[in-house]
PDB file of N, CA and C in Angstrom:
ATOM      1  N   MET A   1     -36.934  11.339  83.912  1.00  0.00           N
ATOM      2  CA  MET A   1     -36.561  12.211  82.818  1.00  0.00           C
ATOM      3  C   MET A   1     -36.062  11.317  81.662  1.00  0.00           C
ATOM      4  N   THR A   2     -36.534  11.586  80.491  1.00  0.00           N
ATOM      5  CA  THR A   2     -36.111  10.811  79.321  1.00  0.00           C
ATOM      6  C   THR A   2     -35.036  11.605  78.555  1.00  0.00           C
ATOM      7  N   ILE A   3     -34.406  10.953  77.641  1.00  0.00           N
ATOM      8  CA  ILE A   3     -33.394  11.668  76.837  1.00  0.00           C
ATOM      9  C   ILE A   3     -34.027  12.833  76.097  1.00  0.00           C
ATOM     10  N   ALA A   4     -35.285  12.691  75.748  1.00  0.00           N
ATOM     11  CA  ALA A   4     -35.959  13.802  75.031  1.00  0.00           C
ATOM     12  C   ALA A   4     -36.031  15.044  75.887  1.00  0.00           C
ATOM     13  N   ALA A   5     -36.013  14.879  77.247  1.00  0.00           N
ATOM     14  CA  ALA A   5     -36.092  16.034  78.158  1.00  0.00           C
ATOM     15  C   ALA A   5     -34.717  16.637  78.365  1.00  0.00           C
ATOM     16  N   VAL A   6     -33.706  16.066  77.854  1.00  0.00           N
ATOM     17  CA  VAL A   6     -32.360  16.600  77.975  1.00  0.00           C
ATOM     18  C   VAL A   6     -32.124  17.600  76.846  1.00  0.00           C
ATOM     19  N   SER A   7     -31.282  18.596  77.150  1.00  0.00           N
ATOM     20  CA  SER A   7     -31.026  19.617  76.142  1.00  0.00           C
ATOM     21  C   SER A   7     -30.363  18.993  74.906  1.00  0.00           C
ATOM     22  N   PRO A   8     -30.554  19.620  73.723  1.00  0.00           N
ATOM     23  CA  PRO A   8     -29.980  19.081  72.490  1.00  0.00           C
ATOM     24  C   PRO A   8     -28.462  18.930  72.579  1.00  0.00           C
ATOM     25  N   MET A   9     -27.804  19.808  73.287  1.00  0.00           N
ATOM     26  CA  MET A   9     -26.317  19.713  73.401  1.00  0.00           C
ATOM     27  C   MET A   9     -25.974  18.441  74.204  1.00  0.00           C
ATOM     28  N   GLU A  10     -26.712  18.191  75.315  1.00  0.00           N
ATOM     29  CA  GLU A  10     -26.433  17.025  76.081  1.00  0.00           C
ATOM     30  C   GLU A  10     -26.779  15.741  75.319  1.00  0.00           C
ATOM     31  N   THR A  11     -27.847  15.775  74.542  1.00  0.00           N
ATOM     32  CA  THR A  11     -28.225  14.609  73.759  1.00  0.00           C
ATOM     33  C   THR A  11     -27.128  14.292  72.711  1.00  0.00           C
ATOM     34  N   ASN A  12     -26.575  15.315  72.087  1.00  0.00           N
ATOM     35  CA  ASN A  12     -25.510  15.126  71.138  1.00  0.00           C
ATOM     36  C   ASN A  12     -24.270  14.585  71.835  1.00  0.00           C
ATOM     37  N   GLU A  13     -23.944  15.123  72.974  1.00  0.00           N
ATOM     38  CA  GLU A  13     -22.776  14.642  73.726  1.00  0.00           C
ATOM     39  C   GLU A  13     -22.972  13.172  74.137  1.00  0.00           C
ATOM     40  N   ILE A  14     -24.155  12.828  74.620  1.00  0.00           N
ATOM     41  CA  ILE A  14     -24.459  11.460  74.991  1.00  0.00           C
ATOM     42  C   ILE A  14     -24.305  10.540  73.795  1.00  0.00           C
ATOM     43  N   ALA A  15     -24.800  10.940  72.641  1.00  0.00           N
ATOM     44  CA  ALA A  15     -24.707  10.144  71.435  1.00  0.00           C
ATOM     45  C   ALA A  15     -23.260   9.945  71.001  1.00  0.00           C
ATOM     46  N   GLN A  16     -22.481  11.005  71.056  1.00  0.00           N
ATOM     47  CA  GLN A  16     -21.063  10.883  70.646  1.00  0.00           C
ATOM     48  C   GLN A  16     -20.298  10.007  71.603  1.00  0.00           C
ATOM     49  N   LEU A  17     -20.483  10.180  72.890  1.00  0.00           N
ATOM     50  CA  LEU A  17     -19.763   9.400  73.868  1.00  0.00           C
ATOM     51  C   LEU A  17     -20.179   7.918  73.821  1.00  0.00           C
ATOM     52  N   THR A  18     -21.439   7.713  73.643  1.00  0.00           N
ATOM     53  CA  THR A  18     -21.947   6.335  73.545  1.00  0.00           C
ATOM     54  C   THR A  18     -21.360   5.603  72.316  1.00  0.00           C
ATOM     55  N   LYS A  19     -21.313   6.362  71.197  1.00  0.00           N
ATOM     56  CA  LYS A  19     -20.762   5.793  69.985  1.00  0.00           C
ATOM     57  C   LYS A  19     -19.292   5.427  70.176  1.00  0.00           C
ATOM     58  N   TYR A  20     -18.537   6.289  70.865  1.00  0.00           N
ATOM     59  CA  TYR A  20     -17.108   6.020  71.085  1.00  0.00           C
ATOM     60  C   TYR A  20     -16.938   4.813  71.991  1.00  0.00           C
ATOM     61  N   VAL A  21     -17.732   4.772  73.076  1.00  0.00           N
ATOM     62  CA  VAL A  21     -17.633   3.702  74.052  1.00  0.00           C
ATOM     63  C   VAL A  21     -17.942   2.352  73.412  1.00  0.00           C
ATOM     64  N   GLN A  22     -18.825   2.350  72.421  1.00  0.00           N
ATOM     65  CA  GLN A  22     -19.244   1.112  71.778  1.00  0.00           C
ATOM     66  C   GLN A  22     -18.364   0.698  70.592  1.00  0.00           C
ATOM     67  N   THR A  23     -17.406   1.554  70.210  1.00  0.00           N
ATOM     68  CA  THR A  23     -16.550   1.189  69.120  1.00  0.00           C
ATOM     69  C   THR A  23     -15.553   0.140  69.506  1.00  0.00           C
ATOM     70  N   LEU A  24     -14.911  -0.469  68.524  1.00  0.00           N
ATOM     71  CA  LEU A  24     -13.946  -1.504  68.769  1.00  0.00           C
ATOM     72  C   LEU A  24     -12.818  -0.929  69.608  1.00  0.00           C
ATOM     73  N   LEU A  25     -12.446  -1.708  70.623  1.00  0.00           N
ATOM     74  CA  LEU A  25     -11.427  -1.260  71.564  1.00  0.00           C
ATOM     75  C   LEU A  25     -10.039  -1.632  71.051  1.00  0.00           C
ATOM     76  N   LEU A  26      -9.174  -0.627  70.970  1.00  0.00           N
ATOM     77  CA  LEU A  26      -7.779  -0.850  70.703  1.00  0.00           C
ATOM     78  C   LEU A  26      -7.074  -1.039  72.036  1.00  0.00           C
ATOM     79  N   GLU A  27      -6.033  -1.820  72.121  1.00  0.00           N
ATOM     80  CA  GLU A  27      -5.421  -2.101  73.387  1.00  0.00           C
ATOM     81  C   GLU A  27      -4.221  -1.243  73.662  1.00  0.00           C
ATOM     82  N   THR A  28      -4.124  -0.099  73.009  1.00  0.00           N
ATOM     83  CA  THR A  28      -3.037   0.806  73.320  1.00  0.00           C
ATOM     84  C   THR A  28      -3.332   1.565  74.602  1.00  0.00           C
ATOM     85  N   THR A  29      -2.275   1.985  75.247  1.00  0.00           N
ATOM     86  CA  THR A  29      -2.390   2.725  76.509  1.00  0.00           C
ATOM     87  C   THR A  29      -3.226   3.976  76.324  1.00  0.00           C
ATOM     88  N   GLU A  30      -2.990   4.676  75.228  1.00  0.00           N
ATOM     89  CA  GLU A  30      -3.736   5.909  74.961  1.00  0.00           C
ATOM     90  C   GLU A  30      -5.233   5.655  74.814  1.00  0.00           C
ATOM     91  N   ASP A  31      -5.581   4.594  74.070  1.00  0.00           N
ATOM     92  CA  ASP A  31      -6.987   4.271  73.858  1.00  0.00           C
ATOM     93  C   ASP A  31      -7.660   3.853  75.159  1.00  0.00           C
ATOM     94  N   ILE A  32      -6.970   3.059  75.946  1.00  0.00           N
ATOM     95  CA  ILE A  32      -7.543   2.659  77.236  1.00  0.00           C
ATOM     96  C   ILE A  32      -7.774   3.852  78.136  1.00  0.00           C
ATOM     97  N   LYS A  33      -6.816   4.763  78.194  1.00  0.00           N
ATOM     98  CA  LYS A  33      -6.990   5.991  79.006  1.00  0.00           C
ATOM     99  C   LYS A  33      -8.134   6.855  78.494  1.00  0.00           C
ATOM    100  N   THR A  34      -8.198   7.024  77.180  1.00  0.00           N
ATOM    101  CA  THR A  34      -9.261   7.820  76.579  1.00  0.00           C
ATOM    102  C   THR A  34     -10.610   7.198  76.827  1.00  0.00           C
ATOM    103  N   ARG A  35     -10.661   5.871  76.666  1.00  0.00           N
ATOM    104  CA  ARG A  35     -11.939   5.150  76.877  1.00  0.00           C
ATOM    105  C   ARG A  35     -12.388   5.279  78.359  1.00  0.00           C
ATOM    106  N   GLU A  36     -11.438   5.199  79.287  1.00  0.00           N
ATOM    107  CA  GLU A  36     -11.794   5.401  80.703  1.00  0.00           C
ATOM    108  C   GLU A  36     -12.325   6.771  80.958  1.00  0.00           C
ATOM    109  N   GLU A  37     -11.675   7.764  80.431  1.00  0.00           N
ATOM    110  CA  GLU A  37     -12.105   9.173  80.597  1.00  0.00           C
ATOM    111  C   GLU A  37     -13.517   9.356  80.008  1.00  0.00           C
ATOM    112  N   ASN A  38     -13.750   8.795  78.845  1.00  0.00           N
ATOM    113  CA  ASN A  38     -15.046   8.948  78.190  1.00  0.00           C
ATOM    114  C   ASN A  38     -16.111   8.155  78.894  1.00  0.00           C
ATOM    115  N   LEU A  39     -15.779   7.006  79.479  1.00  0.00           N
ATOM    116  CA  LEU A  39     -16.775   6.252  80.276  1.00  0.00           C
ATOM    117  C   LEU A  39     -17.216   7.098  81.459  1.00  0.00           C
ATOM    118  N   MET A  40     -16.270   7.716  82.143  1.00  0.00           N
ATOM    119  CA  MET A  40     -16.609   8.536  83.325  1.00  0.00           C
ATOM    120  C   MET A  40     -17.382   9.780  82.882  1.00  0.00           C
ATOM    121  N   LYS A  41     -17.013  10.388  81.802  1.00  0.00           N
ATOM    122  CA  LYS A  41     -17.713  11.573  81.306  1.00  0.00           C
ATOM    123  C   LYS A  41     -19.142  11.221  80.933  1.00  0.00           C
ATOM    124  N   LEU A  42     -19.332  10.124  80.203  1.00  0.00           N
ATOM    125  CA  LEU A  42     -20.643   9.671  79.805  1.00  0.00           C
ATOM    126  C   LEU A  42     -21.490   9.329  81.049  1.00  0.00           C
ATOM    127  N   GLY A  43     -20.845   8.658  82.024  1.00  0.00           N
ATOM    128  CA  GLY A  43     -21.526   8.337  83.240  1.00  0.00           C
ATOM    129  C   GLY A  43     -22.009   9.572  83.955  1.00  0.00           C
ATOM    130  N   LYS A  44     -21.165  10.622  84.009  1.00  0.00           N
ATOM    131  CA  LYS A  44     -21.558  11.872  84.654  1.00  0.00           C
ATOM    132  C   LYS A  44     -22.716  12.541  83.893  1.00  0.00           C
ATOM    133  N   VAL A  45     -22.657  12.556  82.560  1.00  0.00           N
ATOM    134  CA  VAL A  45     -23.754  13.161  81.793  1.00  0.00           C
ATOM    135  C   VAL A  45     -25.054  12.411  82.011  1.00  0.00           C
ATOM    136  N   LEU A  46     -24.973  11.070  81.991  1.00  0.00           N
ATOM    137  CA  LEU A  46     -26.206  10.266  82.212  1.00  0.00           C
ATOM    138  C   LEU A  46     -26.711  10.478  83.623  1.00  0.00           C
ATOM    139  N   SER A  47     -25.816  10.596  84.580  1.00  0.00           N
ATOM    140  CA  SER A  47     -26.233  10.803  86.001  1.00  0.00           C
ATOM    141  C   SER A  47     -26.957  12.156  86.123  1.00  0.00           C
ATOM    142  N   ASP A  48     -26.329  13.169  85.526  1.00  0.00           N
ATOM    143  CA  ASP A  48     -26.939  14.522  85.584  1.00  0.00           C
ATOM    144  C   ASP A  48     -28.311  14.580  84.921  1.00  0.00           C
ATOM    145  N   ALA A  49     -28.481  13.716  83.869  1.00  0.00           N
ATOM    146  CA  ALA A  49     -29.743  13.685  83.130  1.00  0.00           C
ATOM    147  C   ALA A  49     -30.736  12.739  83.802  1.00  0.00           C
ATOM    148  N   LYS A  50     -30.331  12.134  84.943  1.00  0.00           N
ATOM    149  CA  LYS A  50     -31.172  11.165  85.649  1.00  0.00           C
ATOM    150  C   LYS A  50     -31.515   9.960  84.782  1.00  0.00           C
ATOM    151  N   GLU A  51     -30.628   9.530  83.923  1.00  0.00           N
ATOM    152  CA  GLU A  51     -30.799   8.395  83.051  1.00  0.00           C
ATOM    153  C   GLU A  51     -30.134   7.166  83.690  1.00  0.00           C
ATOM    154  N   LEU A  52     -30.702   6.714  84.804  1.00  0.00           N
ATOM    155  CA  LEU A  52     -30.106   5.624  85.536  1.00  0.00           C
ATOM    156  C   LEU A  52     -30.142   4.304  84.814  1.00  0.00           C
ATOM    157  N   GLU A  53     -31.170   4.037  84.054  1.00  0.00           N
ATOM    158  CA  GLU A  53     -31.246   2.818  83.288  1.00  0.00           C
ATOM    159  C   GLU A  53     -30.111   2.781  82.252  1.00  0.00           C
ATOM    160  N   GLN A  54     -29.903   3.879  81.566  1.00  0.00           N
ATOM    161  CA  GLN A  54     -28.829   3.956  80.583  1.00  0.00           C
ATOM    162  C   GLN A  54     -27.456   3.835  81.264  1.00  0.00           C
ATOM    163  N   LEU A  55     -27.325   4.350  82.472  1.00  0.00           N
ATOM    164  CA  LEU A  55     -26.070   4.217  83.219  1.00  0.00           C
ATOM    165  C   LEU A  55     -25.819   2.757  83.581  1.00  0.00           C
ATOM    166  N   LYS A  56     -26.852   2.026  83.974  1.00  0.00           N
ATOM    167  CA  LYS A  56     -26.688   0.610  84.243  1.00  0.00           C
ATOM    168  C   LYS A  56     -26.289  -0.143  83.023  1.00  0.00           C
ATOM    169  N   ILE A  57     -26.887   0.196  81.896  1.00  0.00           N
ATOM    170  CA  ILE A  57     -26.528  -0.433  80.602  1.00  0.00           C
ATOM    171  C   ILE A  57     -25.084  -0.129  80.243  1.00  0.00           C
ATOM    172  N   LEU A  58     -24.643   1.095  80.506  1.00  0.00           N
ATOM    173  CA  LEU A  58     -23.240   1.484  80.247  1.00  0.00           C
ATOM    174  C   LEU A  58     -22.309   0.599  81.037  1.00  0.00           C
ATOM    175  N   ILE A  59     -22.609   0.401  82.286  1.00  0.00           N
ATOM    176  CA  ILE A  59     -21.741  -0.432  83.139  1.00  0.00           C
ATOM    177  C   ILE A  59     -21.710  -1.860  82.586  1.00  0.00           C
ATOM    178  N   HIS A  60     -22.858  -2.393  82.251  1.00  0.00           N
ATOM    179  CA  HIS A  60     -22.921  -3.764  81.747  1.00  0.00           C
ATOM    180  C   HIS A  60     -22.186  -3.908  80.409  1.00  0.00           C
ATOM    181  N   ASP A  61     -22.412  -2.979  79.502  1.00  0.00           N
ATOM    182  CA  ASP A  61     -21.806  -3.056  78.178  1.00  0.00           C
ATOM    183  C   ASP A  61     -20.307  -2.776  78.177  1.00  0.00           C
ATOM    184  N   SER A  62     -19.797  -2.287  79.267  1.00  0.00           N
ATOM    185  CA  SER A  62     -18.343  -1.936  79.329  1.00  0.00           C
ATOM    186  C   SER A  62     -17.529  -3.089  79.900  1.00  0.00           C
ATOM    187  N   ARG A  63     -18.165  -4.235  80.124  1.00  0.00           N
ATOM    188  CA  ARG A  63     -17.417  -5.339  80.716  1.00  0.00           C
ATOM    189  C   ARG A  63     -16.189  -5.763  79.922  1.00  0.00           C
ATOM    190  N   PRO A  64     -16.231  -5.829  78.586  1.00  0.00           N
ATOM    191  CA  PRO A  64     -15.018  -6.208  77.871  1.00  0.00           C
ATOM    192  C   PRO A  64     -13.853  -5.214  78.126  1.00  0.00           C
ATOM    193  N   PHE A  65     -14.168  -3.962  78.293  1.00  0.00           N
ATOM    194  CA  PHE A  65     -13.135  -2.973  78.608  1.00  0.00           C
ATOM    195  C   PHE A  65     -12.525  -3.232  79.972  1.00  0.00           C
ATOM    196  N   PHE A  66     -13.324  -3.586  80.921  1.00  0.00           N
ATOM    197  CA  PHE A  66     -12.848  -3.792  82.294  1.00  0.00           C
ATOM    198  C   PHE A  66     -11.837  -4.941  82.335  1.00  0.00           C
ATOM    199  N   SER A  67     -11.955  -5.879  81.484  1.00  0.00           N
ATOM    200  CA  SER A  67     -10.991  -7.003  81.479  1.00  0.00           C
ATOM    201  C   SER A  67      -9.601  -6.567  81.012  1.00  0.00           C
ATOM    202  N   LEU A  68      -9.530  -5.443  80.311  1.00  0.00           N
ATOM    203  CA  LEU A  68      -8.231  -4.943  79.827  1.00  0.00           C
ATOM    204  C   LEU A  68      -7.469  -4.093  80.835  1.00  0.00           C
ATOM    205  N   VAL A  69      -8.190  -3.491  81.787  1.00  0.00           N
ATOM    206  CA  VAL A  69      -7.558  -2.517  82.669  1.00  0.00           C
ATOM    207  C   VAL A  69      -7.020  -3.087  83.962  1.00  0.00           C
ATOM    208  N   GLY A  70      -7.278  -4.306  84.253  1.00  0.00           N
ATOM    209  CA  GLY A  70      -6.864  -4.927  85.476  1.00  0.00           C
ATOM    210  C   GLY A  70      -7.965  -4.789  86.560  1.00  0.00           C
ATOM    211  N   ALA A  71      -7.882  -5.696  87.486  1.00  0.00           N
ATOM    212  CA  ALA A  71      -8.966  -5.812  88.504  1.00  0.00           C
ATOM    213  C   ALA A  71      -9.113  -4.539  89.345  1.00  0.00           C
ATOM    214  N   ALA A  72      -8.027  -4.046  89.865  1.00  0.00           N
ATOM    215  CA  ALA A  72      -8.117  -2.883  90.819  1.00  0.00           C
ATOM    216  C   ALA A  72      -8.677  -1.676  90.059  1.00  0.00           C
ATOM    217  N   ARG A  73      -8.203  -1.426  88.887  1.00  0.00           N
ATOM    218  CA  ARG A  73      -8.652  -0.250  88.135  1.00  0.00           C
ATOM    219  C   ARG A  73     -10.100  -0.414  87.705  1.00  0.00           C
ATOM    220  N   ALA A  74     -10.498  -1.634  87.308  1.00  0.00           N
ATOM    221  CA  ALA A  74     -11.841  -1.912  86.914  1.00  0.00           C
ATOM    222  C   ALA A  74     -12.811  -1.685  88.088  1.00  0.00           C
ATOM    223  N   VAL A  75     -12.397  -2.165  89.265  1.00  0.00           N
ATOM    224  CA  VAL A  75     -13.244  -1.973  90.466  1.00  0.00           C
ATOM    225  C   VAL A  75     -13.402  -0.467  90.732  1.00  0.00           C
ATOM    226  N   MET A  76     -12.335   0.297  90.597  1.00  0.00           N
ATOM    227  CA  MET A  76     -12.396   1.733  90.858  1.00  0.00           C
ATOM    228  C   MET A  76     -13.375   2.412  89.870  1.00  0.00           C
ATOM    229  N   ILE A  77     -13.266   2.073  88.608  1.00  0.00           N
ATOM    230  CA  ILE A  77     -14.152   2.650  87.587  1.00  0.00           C
ATOM    231  C   ILE A  77     -15.607   2.280  87.846  1.00  0.00           C
ATOM    232  N   ILE A  78     -15.831   0.988  88.117  1.00  0.00           N
ATOM    233  CA  ILE A  78     -17.190   0.525  88.361  1.00  0.00           C
ATOM    234  C   ILE A  78     -17.754   1.186  89.610  1.00  0.00           C
ATOM    235  N   ARG A  79     -16.961   1.298  90.673  1.00  0.00           N
ATOM    236  CA  ARG A  79     -17.418   1.957  91.880  1.00  0.00           C
ATOM    237  C   ARG A  79     -17.804   3.383  91.624  1.00  0.00           C
ATOM    238  N   ASN A  80     -16.985   4.084  90.840  1.00  0.00           N
ATOM    239  CA  ASN A  80     -17.287   5.490  90.522  1.00  0.00           C
ATOM    240  C   ASN A  80     -18.596   5.604  89.717  1.00  0.00           C
ATOM    241  N   LEU A  81     -18.791   4.676  88.792  1.00  0.00           N
ATOM    242  CA  LEU A  81     -20.034   4.709  88.002  1.00  0.00           C
ATOM    243  C   LEU A  81     -21.264   4.371  88.829  1.00  0.00           C
ATOM    244  N   ILE A  82     -21.104   3.433  89.782  1.00  0.00           N
ATOM    245  CA  ILE A  82     -22.206   3.092  90.659  1.00  0.00           C
ATOM    246  C   ILE A  82     -22.528   4.296  91.549  1.00  0.00           C
ATOM    247  N   GLU A  83     -21.523   4.987  92.045  1.00  0.00           N
ATOM    248  CA  GLU A  83     -21.742   6.169  92.854  1.00  0.00           C
ATOM    249  C   GLU A  83     -22.530   7.227  92.079  1.00  0.00           C
ATOM    250  N   LEU A  84     -22.277   7.321  90.798  1.00  0.00           N
ATOM    251  CA  LEU A  84     -23.077   8.236  89.959  1.00  0.00           C
ATOM    252  C   LEU A  84     -24.521   7.827  89.896  1.00  0.00           C
ATOM    253  N   CYS A  85     -24.788   6.511  89.954  1.00  0.00           N
ATOM    254  CA  CYS A  85     -26.157   6.015  89.979  1.00  0.00           C
ATOM    255  C   CYS A  85     -26.867   6.451  91.267  1.00  0.00           C
ATOM    256  N   LEU A  86     -26.119   6.542  92.324  1.00  0.00           N
ATOM    257  CA  LEU A  86     -26.695   6.856  93.655  1.00  0.00           C
ATOM    258  C   LEU A  86     -26.879   8.331  93.923  1.00  0.00           C
ATOM    259  N   LYS A  87     -26.404   9.174  93.028  1.00  0.00           N
ATOM    260  CA  LYS A  87     -26.541  10.611  93.223  1.00  0.00           C
ATOM    261  C   LYS A  87     -27.969  11.040  93.119  1.00  0.00           C
TER     262      LYS A  87
END
């Protein structure tokens, strides 16, 4: 399934979440928490849309963020995103 096969609402949501995830990261606690929530939300949307390649790119492109959250938390987030790939 391609992004074109996704509903317009999902496409808009994917675009908005992707734009946020790719913006410059602030190191405040609020921004880190919001970024984590949006990463998981975007991962879920991409998984539901069967966009596994985009999900892999999301994991790869999020590496700078993972260095800010600590090893244990980064592993948990990555594991959750990988589990979404396996759905």
